[in-house]
Amino acid sequence: MLGLGLGFAVGLAALGVGVGQGIATNGAMHGMSRQPEASGKIQTGMLIGLAFMELVFLLTFVITLILQGKVTG
């Protein structure tokens, strides 16, 4: 049962990160099109946010790998 939950955890984390990154990028692109002079600051903030979102997925993936070892071992 834990193995099934681990698969769902990774899938939902990937889905959430993908949607979140799409929304963040969309907002940044709209902001840069409205204020081109602020595009550097907007892009920096967007990249930091995307890095944190990616970190959430990577942590989920690593924890899943650790727990998967407990299921099979």
Protein backbone atom coordinates (compact mmCIF):
# COMPACT_ATOMS: atom_id res chain seq x y z
CA MET A 1 0.00 0.00 0.00
CA LEU A 2 2.89 2.35 0.75
CA GLY A 3 4.31 1.74 -2.73
CA LEU A 4 1.06 2.94 -4.31
CA GLY A 5 1.05 6.03 -2.13
CA LEU A 6 4.62 6.82 -3.08
CA GLY A 7 3.74 6.74 -6.77
CA PHE A 8 0.82 9.08 -6.21
CA ALA A 9 3.01 11.41 -4.14
CA VAL A 10 5.56 11.82 -6.92
CA GLY A 11 2.86 12.21 -9.56
CA LEU A 12 0.95 14.84 -7.62
CA ALA A 13 4.15 16.70 -6.75
CA ALA A 14 5.15 16.79 -10.42
CA LEU A 15 1.68 17.95 -11.42
CA GLY A 16 1.62 20.68 -8.77
CA VAL A 17 5.09 21.91 -9.63
CA GLY A 18 4.30 21.95 -13.34
CA VAL A 19 1.12 23.95 -12.87
CA GLY A 20 2.79 26.31 -10.40
CA GLN A 21 5.72 26.96 -12.69
CA GLY A 22 3.38 27.61 -15.59
CA ILE A 23 1.36 30.13 -13.59
CA ALA A 24 4.52 31.84 -12.28
CA THR A 25 6.04 32.08 -15.75
CA ASN A 26 2.79 33.38 -17.19
CA GLY A 27 2.64 36.10 -14.55
CA ALA A 28 6.25 37.07 -15.10
CA MET A 29 5.80 37.28 -18.87
CA HIS A 30 2.74 39.50 -18.46
CA GLY A 31 4.62 41.69 -16.00
CA MET A 32 7.62 42.01 -18.31
CA SER A 33 5.40 42.90 -21.26
CA ARG A 34 3.73 45.66 -19.22
CA GLN A 35 6.96 47.02 -17.69
CA PRO A 36 9.95 46.14 -19.86
CA GLU A 37 12.26 48.31 -17.75
CA ALA A 38 11.62 46.08 -14.71
CA SER A 39 12.16 42.82 -16.59
CA GLY A 40 15.48 42.09 -14.84
CA LYS A 41 13.96 42.22 -11.36
CA ILE A 42 10.88 40.29 -12.46
CA GLN A 43 12.99 37.59 -14.08
CA THR A 44 15.22 37.26 -11.01
CA GLY A 45 12.22 36.86 -8.72
CA MET A 46 10.64 34.37 -11.08
CA LEU A 47 13.79 32.24 -11.25
CA ILE A 48 14.12 32.17 -7.45
CA GLY A 49 10.48 31.11 -7.18
CA LEU A 50 10.92 28.42 -9.82
CA ALA A 51 13.96 27.10 -7.97
CA PHE A 52 11.96 26.75 -4.76
CA MET A 53 9.17 24.95 -6.63
CA GLU A 54 11.68 22.58 -8.17
CA LEU A 55 13.19 21.98 -4.72
CA VAL A 56 9.80 20.79 -3.45
CA PHE A 57 9.64 18.19 -6.21
CA LEU A 58 13.24 17.06 -5.69
CA LEU A 59 12.66 16.63 -1.96
CA THR A 60 9.51 14.62 -2.67
CA PHE A 61 11.43 12.45 -5.11
CA VAL A 62 14.32 11.82 -2.68
CA ILE A 63 11.99 11.00 0.21
CA THR A 64 10.09 8.64 -2.09
CA LEU A 65 13.32 6.86 -3.03
CA ILE A 66 14.24 6.50 0.64
CA LEU A 67 10.82 5.12 1.55
CA GLN A 68 10.80 2.85 -1.50
CA GLY A 69 13.89 1.15 -0.08
CA LYS A 70 11.93 0.43 3.09
CA VAL A 71 9.04 -1.08 1.11
CA THR A 72 11.16 -3.47 -0.95
CA GLY A 73 13.84 -4.18 1.67
